[in-house]
C-alpha atoms as a PDB file:
ATOM      1  CA  UNK A   1      67.360   1.346 -31.862  1.00  0.00           C
ATOM      2  CA  UNK A   2      68.188   2.734 -28.430  1.00  0.00           C
ATOM      3  CA  UNK A   3      71.638   3.557 -27.071  1.00  0.00           C
ATOM      4  CA  UNK A   4      72.215   3.286 -23.331  1.00  0.00           C
ATOM      5  CA  UNK A   5      73.299   6.563 -21.768  1.00  0.00           C
ATOM      6  CA  UNK A   6      74.329   5.340 -18.320  1.00  0.00           C
ATOM      7  CA  UNK A   7      74.771   1.637 -17.501  1.00  0.00           C
ATOM      8  CA  UNK A   8      74.943   2.084 -13.718  1.00  0.00           C
ATOM      9  CA  UNK A   9      71.168   1.768 -13.220  1.00  0.00           C
ATOM     10  CA  UNK A  10      71.285  -1.916 -14.172  1.00  0.00           C
ATOM     11  CA  UNK A  11      74.354  -2.466 -12.010  1.00  0.00           C
ATOM     12  CA  UNK A  12      72.650  -0.840  -9.009  1.00  0.00           C
ATOM     13  CA  UNK A  13      69.606  -3.081  -9.465  1.00  0.00           C
ATOM     14  CA  UNK A  14      71.828  -6.157  -9.372  1.00  0.00           C
ATOM     15  CA  UNK A  15      73.544  -4.916  -6.198  1.00  0.00           C
ATOM     16  CA  UNK A  16      70.185  -4.307  -4.511  1.00  0.00           C
ATOM     17  CA  UNK A  17      69.113  -7.796  -5.597  1.00  0.00           C
ATOM     18  CA  UNK A  18      71.994  -9.331  -3.660  1.00  0.00           C
ATOM     19  CA  UNK A  19      74.709  -9.743  -6.279  1.00  0.00           C
ATOM     20  CA  UNK A  20      77.931  -8.687  -4.555  1.00  0.00           C
ATOM     21  CA  UNK A  21      80.334  -8.414  -7.489  1.00  0.00           C
ATOM     22  CA  UNK A  22      79.039  -6.810 -10.674  1.00  0.00           C
ATOM     23  CA  UNK A  23      81.132  -5.829 -13.696  1.00  0.00           C
ATOM     24  CA  UNK A  24      80.319  -4.416 -17.115  1.00  0.00           C
ATOM     25  CA  UNK A  25      82.523  -3.499 -20.044  1.00  0.00           C
ATOM     26  CA  UNK A  26      80.909  -1.475 -22.771  1.00  0.00           C
ATOM     27  CA  UNK A  27      80.362   1.893 -24.367  1.00  0.00           C
ATOM     28  CA  UNK A  28      78.240   4.721 -23.055  1.00  0.00           C
ATOM     29  CA  UNK A  29      76.761   7.151 -25.581  1.00  0.00           C
ATOM     30  CA  UNK A  30      76.160  10.815 -24.814  1.00  0.00           C
ATOM     31  CA  UNK A  31      73.899  13.256 -26.614  1.00  0.00           C
ATOM     32  CA  UNK A  32      76.344  16.148 -26.373  1.00  0.00           C
ATOM     33  CA  UNK A  33      79.311  17.579 -28.195  1.00  0.00           C
ATOM     34  CA  UNK A  34      82.920  16.463 -28.012  1.00  0.00           C
ATOM     35  CA  UNK A  35      84.926  17.974 -25.162  1.00  0.00           C
ATOM     36  CA  UNK A  36      88.555  17.613 -24.045  1.00  0.00           C
ATOM     37  CA  UNK A  37      87.450  16.770 -20.488  1.00  0.00           C
ATOM     38  CA  UNK A  38      85.616  13.568 -21.552  1.00  0.00           C
END
């Protein structure tokens, strides 16, 4: 199983491909500790 770290790469590819409005709702997983600033 793989967890996506940053979803913006896929969104940028769609924008370059000509899609003008791109939206995504989902979770992003980080391989780091818990912090009050995130």
